[in-house]
């Protein structure tokens, strides 16, 4: 199945905003992103259960009226500091495609090579889950490292 088939006009005008400091509010997020176009929806995600229930999850989605507005906001806001943290701004479709690629190439590949991809019930084994989490953390560290290098130059 072609992953590009998931992208449409709506997903191309929807931004993923990550690495949000927990002090950033919905109102502040909208205020910062509104100069780049007409925001038609905003999804600020919260923990719904567990010990962090009611706290922000550190990411949000903003839907602009056009893909051009979304691309402009992405260009202007990606890497910009907010409460001392560089924002990660991508088209929501890019975030989805990146996660699919990471999960299939890194976590899945590691689990398959180690022979622990699944047990008899078809679920990932504990060691495969741990390997997937370690790979995700490594990828995040590399991403932060490259973002810092870009800021320094």
N, C-alpha and C. Protein backbone atom coordinates (compact mmCIF):
# COMPACT_ATOMS: atom_id res chain seq x y z
N UNK A 1 0.84 -1.19 0.00
CA UNK A 1 0.00 0.00 0.00
C UNK A 1 0.89 1.25 0.00
N UNK A 2 0.59 2.20 -0.82
CA UNK A 2 1.37 3.42 -0.95
C UNK A 2 1.02 4.38 0.19
N UNK A 3 1.98 4.76 1.05
CA UNK A 3 1.68 5.66 2.16
C UNK A 3 1.21 7.03 1.71
N UNK A 4 1.57 7.43 0.48
CA UNK A 4 1.13 8.74 -0.01
C UNK A 4 -0.37 8.80 -0.22
N UNK A 5 -1.01 7.64 -0.29
CA UNK A 5 -2.46 7.64 -0.49
C UNK A 5 -3.18 8.19 0.73
N UNK A 6 -2.49 8.27 1.88
CA UNK A 6 -3.11 8.81 3.08
C UNK A 6 -3.15 10.32 3.07
N UNK A 7 -2.33 10.97 2.25
CA UNK A 7 -2.29 12.42 2.24
C UNK A 7 -3.39 12.96 1.35
N UNK A 8 -4.05 13.98 1.83
CA UNK A 8 -5.06 14.67 1.05
C UNK A 8 -4.96 16.16 1.40
N UNK A 9 -5.86 16.94 0.88
CA UNK A 9 -5.82 18.39 1.11
C UNK A 9 -5.86 18.71 2.60
N UNK A 10 -6.68 18.00 3.37
CA UNK A 10 -6.79 18.28 4.80
C UNK A 10 -5.49 17.98 5.53
N UNK A 11 -4.89 16.82 5.25
CA UNK A 11 -3.66 16.46 5.97
C UNK A 11 -2.50 17.36 5.56
N UNK A 12 -2.53 17.91 4.36
CA UNK A 12 -1.46 18.79 3.92
C UNK A 12 -1.56 20.18 4.54
N UNK A 13 -2.70 20.52 5.14
CA UNK A 13 -2.84 21.82 5.80
C UNK A 13 -2.90 21.66 7.31
N UNK A 14 -2.59 20.47 7.81
CA UNK A 14 -2.61 20.18 9.24
C UNK A 14 -1.17 20.00 9.71
N UNK A 15 -0.80 20.74 10.77
CA UNK A 15 0.55 20.68 11.31
C UNK A 15 0.61 19.91 12.61
N UNK A 16 1.68 19.15 12.78
CA UNK A 16 2.03 18.53 14.05
C UNK A 16 3.01 19.49 14.73
N UNK A 17 2.75 19.84 15.99
CA UNK A 17 3.66 20.68 16.75
C UNK A 17 4.10 19.88 17.96
N UNK A 18 5.39 19.58 18.03
CA UNK A 18 5.92 18.76 19.11
C UNK A 18 6.98 19.46 19.91
N UNK A 19 7.45 18.78 20.96
CA UNK A 19 8.44 19.28 21.90
C UNK A 19 7.94 20.52 22.63
N UNK A 20 6.64 20.54 22.92
CA UNK A 20 6.05 21.67 23.63
C UNK A 20 6.37 21.60 25.12
N UNK A 21 6.79 22.72 25.66
CA UNK A 21 6.98 22.81 27.10
C UNK A 21 5.61 22.70 27.78
N UNK A 22 5.56 22.09 28.94
CA UNK A 22 4.28 21.88 29.62
C UNK A 22 3.64 23.18 30.08
N UNK A 23 4.39 24.26 30.09
CA UNK A 23 3.83 25.57 30.50
C UNK A 23 3.09 26.26 29.36
N UNK A 24 3.25 25.79 28.14
CA UNK A 24 2.58 26.43 26.99
C UNK A 24 1.10 26.07 27.01
N UNK A 25 0.26 27.10 26.88
CA UNK A 25 -1.19 26.88 26.90
C UNK A 25 -1.74 26.83 25.47
N UNK A 26 -2.98 26.37 25.36
CA UNK A 26 -3.64 26.34 24.05
C UNK A 26 -3.71 27.74 23.46
N UNK A 27 -4.10 28.71 24.29
CA UNK A 27 -4.24 30.09 23.82
C UNK A 27 -2.91 30.64 23.31
N UNK A 28 -1.83 30.34 24.02
CA UNK A 28 -0.50 30.82 23.60
C UNK A 28 -0.11 30.19 22.28
N UNK A 29 -0.41 28.91 22.12
CA UNK A 29 -0.08 28.20 20.89
C UNK A 29 -0.81 28.83 19.69
N UNK A 30 -2.08 29.08 19.86
CA UNK A 30 -2.88 29.70 18.79
C UNK A 30 -2.36 31.10 18.48
N UNK A 31 -2.03 31.85 19.51
CA UNK A 31 -1.53 33.21 19.31
C UNK A 31 -0.23 33.21 18.50
N UNK A 32 0.67 32.27 18.80
CA UNK A 32 1.96 32.21 18.12
C UNK A 32 1.81 31.77 16.66
N UNK A 33 0.86 30.87 16.39
CA UNK A 33 0.72 30.33 15.03
C UNK A 33 -0.28 31.11 14.16
N UNK A 34 -1.09 31.97 14.74
CA UNK A 34 -2.12 32.67 13.96
C UNK A 34 -1.59 33.67 12.94
N UNK A 35 -0.40 34.29 13.10
CA UNK A 35 0.06 35.23 12.07
C UNK A 35 0.30 34.59 10.70
N UNK A 36 0.37 33.28 10.62
CA UNK A 36 0.72 32.62 9.36
C UNK A 36 -0.48 32.18 8.54
N UNK A 37 -1.70 32.38 9.07
CA UNK A 37 -2.88 32.03 8.31
C UNK A 37 -4.09 31.82 9.20
N UNK A 38 -5.19 31.46 8.56
CA UNK A 38 -6.44 31.24 9.29
C UNK A 38 -6.44 29.82 9.88
N UNK A 39 -6.45 29.75 11.21
CA UNK A 39 -6.50 28.47 11.90
C UNK A 39 -7.96 28.04 11.98
N UNK A 40 -8.25 26.85 11.42
CA UNK A 40 -9.64 26.38 11.45
C UNK A 40 -9.90 25.36 12.55
N UNK A 41 -8.83 24.73 13.07
CA UNK A 41 -9.01 23.87 14.24
C UNK A 41 -7.66 23.67 14.93
N UNK A 42 -7.75 23.31 16.21
CA UNK A 42 -6.56 23.08 17.01
C UNK A 42 -6.86 21.94 17.97
N UNK A 43 -5.95 20.98 18.03
CA UNK A 43 -6.09 19.85 18.94
C UNK A 43 -4.89 19.83 19.87
N UNK A 44 -5.11 20.24 21.10
CA UNK A 44 -4.07 20.25 22.12
C UNK A 44 -4.28 18.99 22.94
N UNK A 45 -3.31 18.10 22.93
CA UNK A 45 -3.53 16.79 23.53
C UNK A 45 -3.13 16.72 24.99
N UNK A 46 -3.97 16.05 25.78
CA UNK A 46 -3.81 15.93 27.22
C UNK A 46 -3.76 14.45 27.60
N UNK A 47 -3.09 14.14 28.70
CA UNK A 47 -3.14 12.79 29.24
C UNK A 47 -4.54 12.56 29.78
N UNK A 48 -5.15 11.44 29.41
CA UNK A 48 -6.53 11.17 29.84
C UNK A 48 -6.62 10.18 30.99
N UNK A 49 -5.49 9.53 31.30
CA UNK A 49 -5.50 8.60 32.43
C UNK A 49 -4.09 8.45 32.99
N UNK A 50 -4.00 7.77 34.09
CA UNK A 50 -2.71 7.55 34.71
C UNK A 50 -2.30 8.70 35.61
N UNK A 51 -1.08 8.66 36.10
CA UNK A 51 -0.63 9.68 37.06
C UNK A 51 -0.53 11.08 36.47
N UNK A 52 -0.41 11.18 35.15
CA UNK A 52 -0.30 12.50 34.52
C UNK A 52 -1.64 13.01 33.98
N UNK A 53 -2.72 12.38 34.38
CA UNK A 53 -4.05 12.75 33.88
C UNK A 53 -4.29 14.25 34.04
N UNK A 54 -4.76 14.88 32.96
CA UNK A 54 -5.03 16.31 32.97
C UNK A 54 -3.84 17.18 32.60
N UNK A 55 -2.66 16.60 32.47
CA UNK A 55 -1.47 17.37 32.08
C UNK A 55 -1.30 17.31 30.56
N UNK A 56 -0.68 18.35 29.98
CA UNK A 56 -0.44 18.34 28.53
C UNK A 56 0.49 17.20 28.15
N UNK A 57 0.30 16.67 26.93
CA UNK A 57 1.15 15.58 26.45
C UNK A 57 2.41 16.08 25.74
N UNK A 58 2.48 17.39 25.47
CA UNK A 58 3.69 17.93 24.86
C UNK A 58 3.62 18.06 23.35
N UNK A 59 2.43 17.82 22.78
CA UNK A 59 2.28 18.04 21.35
C UNK A 59 0.84 18.41 21.02
N UNK A 60 0.68 18.98 19.83
CA UNK A 60 -0.64 19.44 19.39
C UNK A 60 -0.71 19.40 17.87
N UNK A 61 -1.90 19.61 17.36
CA UNK A 61 -2.12 19.71 15.91
C UNK A 61 -2.87 20.99 15.63
N UNK A 62 -2.47 21.67 14.56
CA UNK A 62 -3.16 22.89 14.12
C UNK A 62 -3.53 22.71 12.66
N UNK A 63 -4.79 22.99 12.36
CA UNK A 63 -5.31 22.90 10.99
C UNK A 63 -5.48 24.30 10.42
N UNK A 64 -4.79 24.58 9.31
CA UNK A 64 -4.95 25.85 8.62
C UNK A 64 -5.98 25.70 7.49
N UNK A 65 -6.44 26.82 6.97
CA UNK A 65 -7.43 26.76 5.90
C UNK A 65 -6.82 26.33 4.57
N UNK A 66 -5.51 26.55 4.37
CA UNK A 66 -4.86 26.12 3.13
C UNK A 66 -3.51 25.47 3.43
N UNK A 67 -3.04 24.66 2.49
CA UNK A 67 -1.73 24.02 2.67
C UNK A 67 -0.60 25.03 2.57
N UNK A 68 -0.80 26.12 1.83
CA UNK A 68 0.23 27.16 1.72
C UNK A 68 0.47 27.82 3.08
N UNK A 69 -0.62 28.10 3.81
CA UNK A 69 -0.49 28.69 5.15
C UNK A 69 0.25 27.73 6.08
N UNK A 70 -0.09 26.46 6.00
CA UNK A 70 0.56 25.46 6.85
C UNK A 70 2.05 25.37 6.53
N UNK A 71 2.41 25.39 5.26
CA UNK A 71 3.82 25.31 4.88
C UNK A 71 4.58 26.54 5.35
N UNK A 72 3.95 27.72 5.27
CA UNK A 72 4.59 28.95 5.74
C UNK A 72 4.83 28.86 7.25
N UNK A 73 3.82 28.43 8.01
CA UNK A 73 3.96 28.29 9.46
C UNK A 73 5.06 27.29 9.81
N UNK A 74 5.12 26.21 9.06
CA UNK A 74 6.15 25.19 9.29
C UNK A 74 7.54 25.79 9.09
N UNK A 75 7.72 26.52 7.98
CA UNK A 75 9.02 27.13 7.68
C UNK A 75 9.44 28.13 8.75
N UNK A 76 8.47 28.94 9.21
CA UNK A 76 8.79 30.00 10.17
C UNK A 76 8.95 29.49 11.60
N UNK A 77 8.22 28.43 11.96
CA UNK A 77 8.18 28.02 13.37
C UNK A 77 9.05 26.81 13.71
N UNK A 78 9.42 25.98 12.76
CA UNK A 78 10.22 24.80 13.07
C UNK A 78 11.57 25.22 13.64
N UNK A 79 11.91 24.70 14.81
CA UNK A 79 13.17 25.01 15.46
C UNK A 79 13.16 26.27 16.30
N UNK A 80 12.09 27.05 16.22
CA UNK A 80 11.99 28.28 17.00
C UNK A 80 11.82 27.93 18.48
N UNK A 81 12.50 28.68 19.34
CA UNK A 81 12.44 28.40 20.77
C UNK A 81 11.14 28.88 21.38
N UNK A 82 10.54 28.03 22.22
CA UNK A 82 9.35 28.38 22.99
C UNK A 82 9.58 27.84 24.40
N UNK A 83 9.70 28.74 25.37
CA UNK A 83 10.02 28.36 26.75
C UNK A 83 11.34 27.59 26.81
N UNK A 84 12.29 27.99 25.97
CA UNK A 84 13.61 27.39 25.99
C UNK A 84 13.75 26.07 25.24
N UNK A 85 12.68 25.64 24.56
CA UNK A 85 12.74 24.37 23.83
C UNK A 85 12.45 24.62 22.35
N UNK A 86 13.24 24.00 21.46
CA UNK A 86 12.98 24.18 20.02
C UNK A 86 11.72 23.41 19.61
N UNK A 87 10.82 24.11 18.94
CA UNK A 87 9.59 23.46 18.47
C UNK A 87 9.89 22.54 17.30
N UNK A 88 9.18 21.43 17.26
CA UNK A 88 9.24 20.52 16.13
C UNK A 88 7.93 20.73 15.37
N UNK A 89 8.02 21.27 14.16
CA UNK A 89 6.81 21.56 13.38
C UNK A 89 6.92 20.83 12.05
N UNK A 90 5.95 19.97 11.79
CA UNK A 90 5.90 19.22 10.54
C UNK A 90 4.47 19.17 10.06
N UNK A 91 4.32 18.90 8.77
CA UNK A 91 3.00 18.58 8.28
C UNK A 91 2.57 17.29 8.96
N UNK A 92 1.33 17.20 9.37
CA UNK A 92 0.86 16.01 10.08
C UNK A 92 1.08 14.76 9.23
N UNK A 93 0.93 14.87 7.92
CA UNK A 93 1.15 13.72 7.04
C UNK A 93 2.61 13.28 7.09
N UNK A 94 3.56 14.22 7.22
CA UNK A 94 4.97 13.88 7.32
C UNK A 94 5.24 13.14 8.62
N UNK A 95 4.61 13.56 9.70
CA UNK A 95 4.81 12.90 10.99
C UNK A 95 4.33 11.46 10.90
N UNK A 96 3.17 11.26 10.29
CA UNK A 96 2.63 9.91 10.15
C UNK A 96 3.57 9.04 9.31
N UNK A 97 4.01 9.56 8.18
CA UNK A 97 4.89 8.80 7.30
C UNK A 97 6.22 8.50 7.97
N UNK A 98 6.74 9.45 8.75
CA UNK A 98 8.01 9.24 9.43
C UNK A 98 7.87 8.13 10.48
N UNK A 99 6.77 8.13 11.24
CA UNK A 99 6.57 7.10 12.26
C UNK A 99 6.44 5.73 11.61
N UNK A 100 5.73 5.64 10.49
CA UNK A 100 5.59 4.37 9.79
C UNK A 100 6.96 3.87 9.36
N UNK A 101 7.77 4.77 8.80
CA UNK A 101 9.10 4.39 8.33
C UNK A 101 9.99 3.96 9.50
N UNK A 102 9.96 4.72 10.59
CA UNK A 102 10.78 4.37 11.76
C UNK A 102 10.35 3.04 12.34
N UNK A 103 9.07 2.86 12.52
CA UNK A 103 8.58 1.62 13.13
C UNK A 103 8.89 0.41 12.27
N UNK A 104 8.76 0.54 10.97
CA UNK A 104 8.99 -0.62 10.12
C UNK A 104 10.48 -0.90 9.93
N UNK A 105 11.31 0.15 9.84
CA UNK A 105 12.72 -0.08 9.57
C UNK A 105 13.53 -0.34 10.83
N UNK A 106 13.22 0.34 11.92
CA UNK A 106 14.04 0.20 13.12
C UNK A 106 13.47 -0.84 14.08
N UNK A 107 12.33 -0.54 14.67
CA UNK A 107 11.78 -1.43 15.70
C UNK A 107 11.46 -2.80 15.13
N UNK A 108 10.75 -2.82 14.01
CA UNK A 108 10.38 -4.10 13.42
C UNK A 108 11.59 -4.87 12.95
N UNK A 109 12.54 -4.18 12.35
CA UNK A 109 13.73 -4.84 11.86
C UNK A 109 14.54 -5.45 12.99
N UNK A 110 14.70 -4.71 14.08
CA UNK A 110 15.43 -5.23 15.23
C UNK A 110 14.74 -6.46 15.81
N UNK A 111 13.43 -6.38 15.95
CA UNK A 111 12.68 -7.49 16.55
C UNK A 111 12.78 -8.73 15.67
N UNK A 112 12.68 -8.54 14.35
CA UNK A 112 12.73 -9.68 13.45
C UNK A 112 14.12 -10.30 13.46
N UNK A 113 15.17 -9.46 13.42
CA UNK A 113 16.53 -9.99 13.43
C UNK A 113 16.84 -10.76 14.71
N UNK A 114 16.29 -10.29 15.85
CA UNK A 114 16.58 -10.97 17.10
C UNK A 114 15.69 -12.19 17.30
N UNK A 115 14.74 -12.40 16.39
CA UNK A 115 13.86 -13.57 16.48
C UNK A 115 12.82 -13.47 17.56
N UNK A 116 12.52 -12.24 18.00
CA UNK A 116 11.56 -12.08 19.09
C UNK A 116 10.36 -11.24 18.66
N UNK A 117 10.07 -11.24 17.38
CA UNK A 117 9.02 -10.36 16.87
C UNK A 117 7.66 -10.67 17.47
N UNK A 118 7.36 -11.92 17.70
CA UNK A 118 6.05 -12.21 18.26
C UNK A 118 6.06 -13.52 19.01
N UNK A 119 5.11 -13.62 19.94
CA UNK A 119 4.93 -14.89 20.61
C UNK A 119 3.75 -15.59 19.95
N UNK A 120 3.26 -16.65 20.51
CA UNK A 120 2.20 -17.42 19.84
C UNK A 120 0.91 -16.63 19.70
N UNK A 121 0.67 -15.61 20.52
CA UNK A 121 -0.57 -14.85 20.40
C UNK A 121 -0.47 -13.75 19.36
N UNK A 122 0.71 -13.57 18.75
CA UNK A 122 0.86 -12.57 17.70
C UNK A 122 1.24 -11.19 18.22
N UNK A 123 1.50 -11.04 19.50
CA UNK A 123 1.89 -9.76 20.05
C UNK A 123 3.40 -9.69 20.17
N UNK A 124 3.93 -8.45 20.22
CA UNK A 124 5.37 -8.27 20.38
C UNK A 124 5.80 -8.78 21.75
N UNK A 125 6.95 -9.43 21.80
CA UNK A 125 7.47 -9.89 23.08
C UNK A 125 8.00 -8.70 23.87
N UNK A 126 8.26 -8.91 25.13
CA UNK A 126 8.76 -7.86 26.01
C UNK A 126 10.10 -7.33 25.50
N UNK A 127 11.01 -8.23 25.11
CA UNK A 127 12.33 -7.79 24.64
C UNK A 127 12.22 -7.01 23.33
N UNK A 128 11.27 -7.39 22.48
CA UNK A 128 11.07 -6.64 21.23
C UNK A 128 10.54 -5.24 21.51
N UNK A 129 9.64 -5.13 22.50
CA UNK A 129 9.11 -3.81 22.88
C UNK A 129 10.24 -2.94 23.44
N UNK A 130 11.09 -3.54 24.28
CA UNK A 130 12.21 -2.79 24.84
C UNK A 130 13.14 -2.32 23.73
N UNK A 131 13.43 -3.19 22.76
CA UNK A 131 14.28 -2.81 21.63
C UNK A 131 13.66 -1.67 20.84
N UNK A 132 12.34 -1.73 20.64
CA UNK A 132 11.65 -0.67 19.90
C UNK A 132 11.74 0.65 20.63
N UNK A 133 11.57 0.62 21.95
CA UNK A 133 11.65 1.85 22.75
C UNK A 133 13.06 2.42 22.72
N UNK A 134 14.07 1.56 22.85
CA UNK A 134 15.46 2.02 22.79
C UNK A 134 15.76 2.67 21.44
N UNK A 135 15.27 2.08 20.36
CA UNK A 135 15.48 2.65 19.02
C UNK A 135 14.80 4.00 18.89
N UNK A 136 13.60 4.13 19.43
CA UNK A 136 12.87 5.39 19.37
C UNK A 136 13.63 6.47 20.14
N UNK A 137 14.12 6.13 21.34
CA UNK A 137 14.89 7.09 22.13
C UNK A 137 16.17 7.51 21.41
N UNK A 138 16.84 6.55 20.79
CA UNK A 138 18.06 6.85 20.04
C UNK A 138 17.75 7.81 18.89
N UNK A 139 16.65 7.54 18.17
CA UNK A 139 16.26 8.41 17.06
C UNK A 139 15.95 9.82 17.55
N UNK A 140 15.28 9.93 18.70
CA UNK A 140 14.96 11.25 19.26
C UNK A 140 16.24 11.99 19.65
N UNK A 141 17.20 11.27 20.27
CA UNK A 141 18.48 11.90 20.63
C UNK A 141 19.20 12.40 19.40
N UNK A 142 19.22 11.60 18.33
CA UNK A 142 19.87 12.01 17.09
C UNK A 142 19.18 13.23 16.50
N UNK A 143 17.85 13.25 16.57
CA UNK A 143 17.08 14.38 16.03
C UNK A 143 17.41 15.65 16.82
N UNK A 144 17.49 15.54 18.14
CA UNK A 144 17.82 16.71 18.96
C UNK A 144 19.24 17.18 18.68
N UNK A 145 20.15 16.23 18.49
CA UNK A 145 21.54 16.59 18.18
C UNK A 145 21.66 17.35 16.88
N UNK A 146 20.93 16.91 15.86
CA UNK A 146 21.00 17.60 14.57
C UNK A 146 20.32 18.97 14.65
N UNK A 147 19.27 19.09 15.48
CA UNK A 147 18.61 20.39 15.64
C UNK A 147 19.55 21.38 16.33
N UNK A 148 20.33 20.91 17.31
CA UNK A 148 21.27 21.78 17.99
C UNK A 148 22.38 22.22 17.04
N UNK A 149 22.85 21.32 16.18
CA UNK A 149 23.90 21.66 15.21
C UNK A 149 23.41 22.71 14.23
N UNK A 150 22.14 22.60 13.82
CA UNK A 150 21.57 23.57 12.89
C UNK A 150 21.51 24.95 13.54
N UNK A 151 21.16 25.00 14.83
CA UNK A 151 21.07 26.26 15.55
C UNK A 151 22.45 26.90 15.70
N UNK A 152 23.48 26.07 15.93
CA UNK A 152 24.83 26.58 16.13
C UNK A 152 25.43 27.18 14.87
N UNK A 153 25.03 26.67 13.71
CA UNK A 153 25.63 27.17 12.47
C UNK A 153 24.93 28.36 11.90
